[in-house]
Amino acid sequence: MLNCKQVAGLASDYLDKNTPLKWQIRLHLLMCANCRRFVKHLDITRKMGAGLEHSANIPADDAEQVLQKVKTKIHAKSSTD
């Protein structure tokens, strides 16, 4: 069975559905709350990043504005959960 470090290293590929170890990762996630939380947060971060990428209001090179937008979205998401 995979350990937490291995799952963390494969998490991005797992979310992309680009790994032959899908079932082994799922088995680990069933038993490990920390890894489930990690994968969930990684997924949220990736989706938020993709949303910011398409935002016409923020220039790609203005890191401070991007950071503020991410913080706002995180705060809004945590308020609704």
PDB file of N, CA and C in Angstrom:
ATOM      1  N   MET A   1       0.836  -1.181   0.000  1.00  0.00           N
ATOM      2  CA  MET A   1       0.000   0.000   0.000  1.00  0.00           C
ATOM      3  C   MET A   1       0.884   1.250   0.000  1.00  0.00           C
ATOM      4  N   LEU A   2       0.373   2.301  -0.638  1.00  0.00           N
ATOM      5  CA  LEU A   2       1.113   3.550  -0.704  1.00  0.00           C
ATOM      6  C   LEU A   2       1.126   4.237   0.662  1.00  0.00           C
ATOM      7  N   ASN A   3       2.210   4.968   0.942  1.00  0.00           N
ATOM      8  CA  ASN A   3       2.257   5.753   2.170  1.00  0.00           C
ATOM      9  C   ASN A   3       1.877   7.208   1.868  1.00  0.00           C
ATOM     10  N   CYS A   4       1.780   8.020   2.899  1.00  0.00           N
ATOM     11  CA  CYS A   4       1.330   9.407   2.745  1.00  0.00           C
ATOM     12  C   CYS A   4       2.248  10.217   1.826  1.00  0.00           C
ATOM     13  N   LYS A   5       3.529  10.037   1.964  1.00  0.00           N
ATOM     14  CA  LYS A   5       4.475  10.778   1.139  1.00  0.00           C
ATOM     15  C   LYS A   5       4.298  10.432  -0.343  1.00  0.00           C
ATOM     16  N   GLN A   6       4.071   9.165  -0.644  1.00  0.00           N
ATOM     17  CA  GLN A   6       3.849   8.744  -2.023  1.00  0.00           C
ATOM     18  C   GLN A   6       2.550   9.331  -2.570  1.00  0.00           C
ATOM     19  N   VAL A   7       1.495   9.299  -1.761  1.00  0.00           N
ATOM     20  CA  VAL A   7       0.207   9.851  -2.187  1.00  0.00           C
ATOM     21  C   VAL A   7       0.342  11.352  -2.445  1.00  0.00           C
ATOM     22  N   ALA A   8       1.026  12.065  -1.573  1.00  0.00           N
ATOM     23  CA  ALA A   8       1.225  13.502  -1.771  1.00  0.00           C
ATOM     24  C   ALA A   8       1.958  13.775  -3.083  1.00  0.00           C
ATOM     25  N   GLY A   9       2.942  12.959  -3.391  1.00  0.00           N
ATOM     26  CA  GLY A   9       3.692  13.122  -4.629  1.00  0.00           C
ATOM     27  C   GLY A   9       2.880  12.805  -5.873  1.00  0.00           C
ATOM     28  N   LEU A  10       1.879  11.960  -5.735  1.00  0.00           N
ATOM     29  CA  LEU A  10       1.043  11.547  -6.872  1.00  0.00           C
ATOM     30  C   LEU A  10      -0.288  12.296  -6.938  1.00  0.00           C
ATOM     31  N   ALA A  11      -0.561  13.164  -5.966  1.00  0.00           N
ATOM     32  CA  ALA A  11      -1.874  13.802  -5.850  1.00  0.00           C
ATOM     33  C   ALA A  11      -2.259  14.603  -7.089  1.00  0.00           C
ATOM     34  N   SER A  12      -1.335  15.351  -7.647  1.00  0.00           N
ATOM     35  CA  SER A  12      -1.646  16.155  -8.825  1.00  0.00           C
ATOM     36  C   SER A  12      -2.001  15.262 -10.015  1.00  0.00           C
ATOM     37  N   ASP A  13      -1.228  14.213 -10.221  1.00  0.00           N
ATOM     38  CA  ASP A  13      -1.539  13.269 -11.302  1.00  0.00           C
ATOM     39  C   ASP A  13      -2.878  12.581 -11.053  1.00  0.00           C
ATOM     40  N   TYR A  14      -3.176  12.283  -9.797  1.00  0.00           N
ATOM     41  CA  TYR A  14      -4.445  11.660  -9.444  1.00  0.00           C
ATOM     42  C   TYR A  14      -5.611  12.580  -9.806  1.00  0.00           C
ATOM     43  N   LEU A  15      -5.482  13.856  -9.487  1.00  0.00           N
ATOM     44  CA  LEU A  15      -6.548  14.804  -9.815  1.00  0.00           C
ATOM     45  C   LEU A  15      -6.681  15.002 -11.323  1.00  0.00           C
ATOM     46  N   ASP A  16      -5.580  14.857 -12.040  1.00  0.00           N
ATOM     47  CA  ASP A  16      -5.606  14.947 -13.507  1.00  0.00           C
ATOM     48  C   ASP A  16      -6.076  13.647 -14.153  1.00  0.00           C
ATOM     49  N   LYS A  17      -6.312  12.631 -13.323  1.00  0.00           N
ATOM     50  CA  LYS A  17      -6.682  11.286 -13.798  1.00  0.00           C
ATOM     51  C   LYS A  17      -5.602  10.751 -14.749  1.00  0.00           C
ATOM     52  N   ASN A  18      -4.359  10.978 -14.330  1.00  0.00           N
ATOM     53  CA  ASN A  18      -3.214  10.638 -15.166  1.00  0.00           C
ATOM     54  C   ASN A  18      -2.237   9.726 -14.422  1.00  0.00           C
ATOM     55  N   THR A  19      -2.763   8.736 -13.716  1.00  0.00           N
ATOM     56  CA  THR A  19      -1.874   7.825 -13.004  1.00  0.00           C
ATOM     57  C   THR A  19      -2.425   6.409 -13.046  1.00  0.00           C
ATOM     58  N   PRO A  20      -1.561   5.441 -13.251  1.00  0.00           N
ATOM     59  CA  PRO A  20      -2.016   4.049 -13.222  1.00  0.00           C
ATOM     60  C   PRO A  20      -2.254   3.548 -11.789  1.00  0.00           C
ATOM     61  N   LEU A  21      -1.913   4.343 -10.796  1.00  0.00           N
ATOM     62  CA  LEU A  21      -2.045   3.941  -9.396  1.00  0.00           C
ATOM     63  C   LEU A  21      -3.342   4.453  -8.765  1.00  0.00           C
ATOM     64  N   LYS A  22      -4.330   4.776  -9.595  1.00  0.00           N
ATOM     65  CA  LYS A  22      -5.578   5.370  -9.123  1.00  0.00           C
ATOM     66  C   LYS A  22      -6.210   4.576  -7.984  1.00  0.00           C
ATOM     67  N   TRP A  23      -6.312   3.276  -8.124  1.00  0.00           N
ATOM     68  CA  TRP A  23      -6.984   2.458  -7.100  1.00  0.00           C
ATOM     69  C   TRP A  23      -6.174   2.374  -5.814  1.00  0.00           C
ATOM     70  N   GLN A  24      -4.868   2.360  -5.939  1.00  0.00           N
ATOM     71  CA  GLN A  24      -4.035   2.339  -4.736  1.00  0.00           C
ATOM     72  C   GLN A  24      -4.147   3.660  -3.981  1.00  0.00           C
ATOM     73  N   ILE A  25      -4.220   4.763  -4.714  1.00  0.00           N
ATOM     74  CA  ILE A  25      -4.384   6.066  -4.081  1.00  0.00           C
ATOM     75  C   ILE A  25      -5.752   6.149  -3.411  1.00  0.00           C
ATOM     76  N   ARG A  26      -6.789   5.703  -4.100  1.00  0.00           N
ATOM     77  CA  ARG A  26      -8.140   5.720  -3.520  1.00  0.00           C
ATOM     78  C   ARG A  26      -8.204   4.890  -2.239  1.00  0.00           C
ATOM     79  N   LEU A  27      -7.566   3.748  -2.248  1.00  0.00           N
ATOM     80  CA  LEU A  27      -7.546   2.906  -1.050  1.00  0.00           C
ATOM     81  C   LEU A  27      -6.901   3.653   0.113  1.00  0.00           C
ATOM     82  N   HIS A  28      -5.777   4.300  -0.157  1.00  0.00           N
ATOM     83  CA  HIS A  28      -5.098   5.062   0.886  1.00  0.00           C
ATOM     84  C   HIS A  28      -5.992   6.202   1.385  1.00  0.00           C
ATOM     85  N   LEU A  29      -6.656   6.905   0.454  1.00  0.00           N
ATOM     86  CA  LEU A  29      -7.509   8.021   0.830  1.00  0.00           C
ATOM     87  C   LEU A  29      -8.695   7.581   1.685  1.00  0.00           C
ATOM     88  N   LEU A  30      -9.170   6.367   1.459  1.00  0.00           N
ATOM     89  CA  LEU A  30     -10.254   5.845   2.294  1.00  0.00           C
ATOM     90  C   LEU A  30      -9.832   5.701   3.753  1.00  0.00           C
ATOM     91  N   MET A  31      -8.555   5.430   3.962  1.00  0.00           N
ATOM     92  CA  MET A  31      -8.062   5.167   5.316  1.00  0.00           C
ATOM     93  C   MET A  31      -7.351   6.352   5.957  1.00  0.00           C
ATOM     94  N   CYS A  32      -7.035   7.382   5.199  1.00  0.00           N
ATOM     95  CA  CYS A  32      -6.198   8.465   5.728  1.00  0.00           C
ATOM     96  C   CYS A  32      -6.885   9.826   5.571  1.00  0.00           C
ATOM     97  N   ALA A  33      -7.386  10.347   6.670  1.00  0.00           N
ATOM     98  CA  ALA A  33      -8.076  11.638   6.653  1.00  0.00           C
ATOM     99  C   ALA A  33      -7.131  12.786   6.276  1.00  0.00           C
ATOM    100  N   ASN A  34      -5.879  12.711   6.702  1.00  0.00           N
ATOM    101  CA  ASN A  34      -4.925  13.782   6.381  1.00  0.00           C
ATOM    102  C   ASN A  34      -4.684  13.871   4.876  1.00  0.00           C
ATOM    103  N   CYS A  35      -4.541  12.746   4.228  1.00  0.00           N
ATOM    104  CA  CYS A  35      -4.321  12.752   2.781  1.00  0.00           C
ATOM    105  C   CYS A  35      -5.586  13.172   2.033  1.00  0.00           C
ATOM    106  N   ARG A  36      -6.764  12.763   2.537  1.00  0.00           N
ATOM    107  CA  ARG A  36      -8.016  13.217   1.928  1.00  0.00           C
ATOM    108  C   ARG A  36      -8.094  14.740   1.976  1.00  0.00           C
ATOM    109  N   ARG A  37      -7.760  15.300   3.123  1.00  0.00           N
ATOM    110  CA  ARG A  37      -7.778  16.757   3.288  1.00  0.00           C
ATOM    111  C   ARG A  37      -6.757  17.414   2.353  1.00  0.00           C
ATOM    112  N   PHE A  38      -5.566  16.846   2.263  1.00  0.00           N
ATOM    113  CA  PHE A  38      -4.529  17.391   1.388  1.00  0.00           C
ATOM    114  C   PHE A  38      -4.996  17.405  -0.063  1.00  0.00           C
ATOM    115  N   VAL A  39      -5.551  16.288  -0.531  1.00  0.00           N
ATOM    116  CA  VAL A  39      -6.005  16.188  -1.927  1.00  0.00           C
ATOM    117  C   VAL A  39      -7.158  17.166  -2.175  1.00  0.00           C
ATOM    118  N   LYS A  40      -8.057  17.292  -1.211  1.00  0.00           N
ATOM    119  CA  LYS A  40      -9.177  18.225  -1.345  1.00  0.00           C
ATOM    120  C   LYS A  40      -8.658  19.659  -1.465  1.00  0.00           C
ATOM    121  N   HIS A  41      -7.725  20.040  -0.606  1.00  0.00           N
ATOM    122  CA  HIS A  41      -7.177  21.401  -0.642  1.00  0.00           C
ATOM    123  C   HIS A  41      -6.379  21.644  -1.920  1.00  0.00           C
ATOM    124  N   LEU A  42      -5.666  20.646  -2.374  1.00  0.00           N
ATOM    125  CA  LEU A  42      -4.936  20.772  -3.639  1.00  0.00           C
ATOM    126  C   LEU A  42      -5.913  20.999  -4.786  1.00  0.00           C
ATOM    127  N   ASP A  43      -7.005  20.264  -4.796  1.00  0.00           N
ATOM    128  CA  ASP A  43      -8.019  20.406  -5.834  1.00  0.00           C
ATOM    129  C   ASP A  43      -8.619  21.811  -5.812  1.00  0.00           C
ATOM    130  N   ILE A  44      -8.952  22.311  -4.625  1.00  0.00           N
ATOM    131  CA  ILE A  44      -9.505  23.664  -4.500  1.00  0.00           C
ATOM    132  C   ILE A  44      -8.507  24.699  -4.996  1.00  0.00           C
ATOM    133  N   THR A  45      -7.252  24.549  -4.607  1.00  0.00           N
ATOM    134  CA  THR A  45      -6.205  25.486  -5.021  1.00  0.00           C
ATOM    135  C   THR A  45      -6.040  25.498  -6.531  1.00  0.00           C
ATOM    136  N   ARG A  46      -6.048  24.320  -7.131  1.00  0.00           N
ATOM    137  CA  ARG A  46      -5.901  24.232  -8.591  1.00  0.00           C
ATOM    138  C   ARG A  46      -7.083  24.882  -9.306  1.00  0.00           C
ATOM    139  N   LYS A  47      -8.292  24.658  -8.802  1.00  0.00           N
ATOM    140  CA  LYS A  47      -9.479  25.252  -9.425  1.00  0.00           C
ATOM    141  C   LYS A  47      -9.474  26.770  -9.286  1.00  0.00           C
ATOM    142  N   MET A  48      -9.060  27.245  -8.119  1.00  0.00           N
ATOM    143  CA  MET A  48      -8.983  28.696  -7.927  1.00  0.00           C
ATOM    144  C   MET A  48      -7.927  29.308  -8.830  1.00  0.00           C
ATOM    145  N   GLY A  49      -6.806  28.639  -8.964  1.00  0.00           N
ATOM    146  CA  GLY A  49      -5.752  29.127  -9.848  1.00  0.00           C
ATOM    147  C   GLY A  49      -6.209  29.188 -11.287  1.00  0.00           C
ATOM    148  N   ALA A  50      -6.965  28.187 -11.710  1.00  0.00           N
ATOM    149  CA  ALA A  50      -7.484  28.168 -13.074  1.00  0.00           C
ATOM    150  C   ALA A  50      -8.474  29.306 -13.273  1.00  0.00           C
ATOM    151  N   GLY A  51      -9.274  29.599 -12.243  1.00  0.00           N
ATOM    152  CA  GLY A  51     -10.228  30.706 -12.334  1.00  0.00           C
ATOM    153  C   GLY A  51      -9.532  32.045 -12.429  1.00  0.00           C
ATOM    154  N   LEU A  52      -8.454  32.206 -11.680  1.00  0.00           N
ATOM    155  CA  LEU A  52      -7.703  33.461 -11.733  1.00  0.00           C
ATOM    156  C   LEU A  52      -7.016  33.645 -13.078  1.00  0.00           C
ATOM    157  N   GLU A  53      -6.608  32.547 -13.664  1.00  0.00           N
ATOM    158  CA  GLU A  53      -5.922  32.601 -14.951  1.00  0.00           C
ATOM    159  C   GLU A  53      -6.819  33.218 -16.012  1.00  0.00           C
ATOM    160  N   HIS A  54      -8.120  32.981 -15.908  1.00  0.00           N
ATOM    161  CA  HIS A  54      -9.063  33.472 -16.904  1.00  0.00           C
ATOM    162  C   HIS A  54      -9.634  34.845 -16.561  1.00  0.00           C
ATOM    163  N   SER A  55      -9.243  35.388 -15.428  1.00  0.00           N
ATOM    164  CA  SER A  55      -9.767  36.680 -15.003  1.00  0.00           C
ATOM    165  C   SER A  55      -9.139  37.792 -15.829  1.00  0.00           C
ATOM    166  N   ALA A  56      -9.970  38.597 -16.427  1.00  0.00           N
ATOM    167  CA  ALA A  56      -9.471  39.696 -17.266  1.00  0.00           C
ATOM    168  C   ALA A  56      -9.106  40.918 -16.431  1.00  0.00           C
ATOM    169  N   ASN A  57      -9.513  40.957 -15.179  1.00  0.00           N
ATOM    170  CA  ASN A  57      -9.295  42.132 -14.349  1.00  0.00           C
ATOM    171  C   ASN A  57      -7.891  42.215 -13.764  1.00  0.00           C
ATOM    172  N   ILE A  58      -7.163  41.120 -13.724  1.00  0.00           N
ATOM    173  CA  ILE A  58      -5.868  41.097 -13.047  1.00  0.00           C
ATOM    174  C   ILE A  58      -4.761  40.763 -14.049  1.00  0.00           C
ATOM    175  N   PRO A  59      -3.797  41.660 -14.199  1.00  0.00           N
ATOM    176  CA  PRO A  59      -2.657  41.338 -15.058  1.00  0.00           C
ATOM    177  C   PRO A  59      -1.867  40.165 -14.475  1.00  0.00           C
ATOM    178  N   ALA A  60      -1.394  39.285 -15.326  1.00  0.00           N
ATOM    179  CA  ALA A  60      -0.706  38.076 -14.875  1.00  0.00           C
ATOM    180  C   ALA A  60       0.545  38.391 -14.068  1.00  0.00           C
ATOM    181  N   ASP A  61       1.188  39.527 -14.306  1.00  0.00           N
ATOM    182  CA  ASP A  61       2.441  39.831 -13.612  1.00  0.00           C
ATOM    183  C   ASP A  61       2.242  40.627 -12.318  1.00  0.00           C
ATOM    184  N   ASP A  62       1.018  40.937 -11.941  1.00  0.00           N
ATOM    185  CA  ASP A  62       0.792  41.692 -10.721  1.00  0.00           C
ATOM    186  C   ASP A  62       0.482  40.733  -9.577  1.00  0.00           C
ATOM    187  N   ALA A  63       1.527  40.242  -8.933  1.00  0.00           N
ATOM    188  CA  ALA A  63       1.413  39.199  -7.910  1.00  0.00           C
ATOM    189  C   ALA A  63       0.602  39.651  -6.697  1.00  0.00           C
ATOM    190  N   GLU A  64       0.714  40.893  -6.309  1.00  0.00           N
ATOM    191  CA  GLU A  64      -0.017  41.374  -5.129  1.00  0.00           C
ATOM    192  C   GLU A  64      -1.523  41.341  -5.353  1.00  0.00           C
ATOM    193  N   GLN A  65      -1.972  41.744  -6.530  1.00  0.00           N
ATOM    194  CA  GLN A  65      -3.404  41.700  -6.841  1.00  0.00           C
ATOM    195  C   GLN A  65      -3.893  40.252  -6.902  1.00  0.00           C
ATOM    196  N   VAL A  66      -3.093  39.387  -7.468  1.00  0.00           N
ATOM    197  CA  VAL A  66      -3.460  37.969  -7.535  1.00  0.00           C
ATOM    198  C   VAL A  66      -3.578  37.398  -6.127  1.00  0.00           C
ATOM    199  N   LEU A  67      -2.614  37.708  -5.272  1.00  0.00           N
ATOM    200  CA  LEU A  67      -2.641  37.231  -3.896  1.00  0.00           C
ATOM    201  C   LEU A  67      -3.896  37.714  -3.175  1.00  0.00           C
ATOM    202  N   GLN A  68      -4.245  38.969  -3.326  1.00  0.00           N
ATOM    203  CA  GLN A  68      -5.440  39.504  -2.677  1.00  0.00           C
ATOM    204  C   GLN A  68      -6.708  38.827  -3.190  1.00  0.00           C
ATOM    205  N   LYS A  69      -6.775  38.566  -4.478  1.00  0.00           N
ATOM    206  CA  LYS A  69      -7.942  37.886  -5.050  1.00  0.00           C
ATOM    207  C   LYS A  69      -8.048  36.460  -4.508  1.00  0.00           C
ATOM    208  N   VAL A  70      -6.922  35.762  -4.395  1.00  0.00           N
ATOM    209  CA  VAL A  70      -6.917  34.406  -3.833  1.00  0.00           C
ATOM    210  C   VAL A  70      -7.398  34.441  -2.386  1.00  0.00           C
ATOM    211  N   LYS A  71      -6.870  35.369  -1.596  1.00  0.00           N
ATOM    212  CA  LYS A  71      -7.277  35.481  -0.192  1.00  0.00           C
ATOM    213  C   LYS A  71      -8.782  35.742  -0.080  1.00  0.00           C
ATOM    214  N   THR A  72      -9.307  36.604  -0.931  1.00  0.00           N
ATOM    215  CA  THR A  72     -10.740  36.912  -0.919  1.00  0.00           C
ATOM    216  C   THR A  72     -11.562  35.675  -1.246  1.00  0.00           C
ATOM    217  N   LYS A  73     -11.143  34.937  -2.259  1.00  0.00           N
ATOM    218  CA  LYS A  73     -11.878  33.727  -2.645  1.00  0.00           C
ATOM    219  C   LYS A  73     -11.797  32.657  -1.559  1.00  0.00           C
ATOM    220  N   ILE A  74     -10.647  32.516  -0.935  1.00  0.00           N
ATOM    221  CA  ILE A  74     -10.502  31.540   0.150  1.00  0.00           C
ATOM    222  C   ILE A  74     -11.425  31.925   1.304  1.00  0.00           C
ATOM    223  N   HIS A  75     -11.430  33.192   1.651  1.00  0.00           N
ATOM    224  CA  HIS A  75     -12.282  33.646   2.749  1.00  0.00           C
ATOM    225  C   HIS A  75     -13.757  33.422   2.410  1.00  0.00           C
ATOM    226  N   ALA A  76     -14.163  33.728   1.189  1.00  0.00           N
ATOM    227  CA  ALA A  76     -15.552  33.529   0.770  1.00  0.00           C
ATOM    228  C   ALA A  76     -15.916  32.050   0.787  1.00  0.00           C
ATOM    229  N   LYS A  77     -15.005  31.202   0.323  1.00  0.00           N
ATOM    230  CA  LYS A  77     -15.258  29.755   0.300  1.00  0.00           C
ATOM    231  C   LYS A  77     -15.366  29.208   1.715  1.00  0.00           C
ATOM    232  N   SER A  78     -14.481  29.630   2.619  1.00  0.00           N
ATOM    233  CA  SER A  78     -14.521  29.117   3.983  1.00  0.00           C
ATOM    234  C   SER A  78     -15.747  29.626   4.735  1.00  0.00           C
ATOM    235  N   SER A  79     -16.280  30.772   4.352  1.00  0.00           N
ATOM    236  CA  SER A  79     -17.486  31.306   4.986  1.00  0.00           C
ATOM    237  C   SER A  79     -18.727  30.524   4.585  1.00  0.00           C
ATOM    238  N   THR A  80     -18.708  29.950   3.374  1.00  0.00           N
ATOM    239  CA  THR A  80     -19.880  29.204   2.892  1.00  0.00           C
ATOM    240  C   THR A  80     -19.866  27.745   3.316  1.00  0.00           C
ATOM    241  N   ASP A  81     -18.727  27.229   3.723  1.00  0.00           N
ATOM    242  CA  ASP A  81     -18.633  25.811   4.111  1.00  0.00           C
ATOM    243  C   ASP A  81     -19.009  25.574   5.540  1.00  0.00           C
TER     244      ASP A  81
END
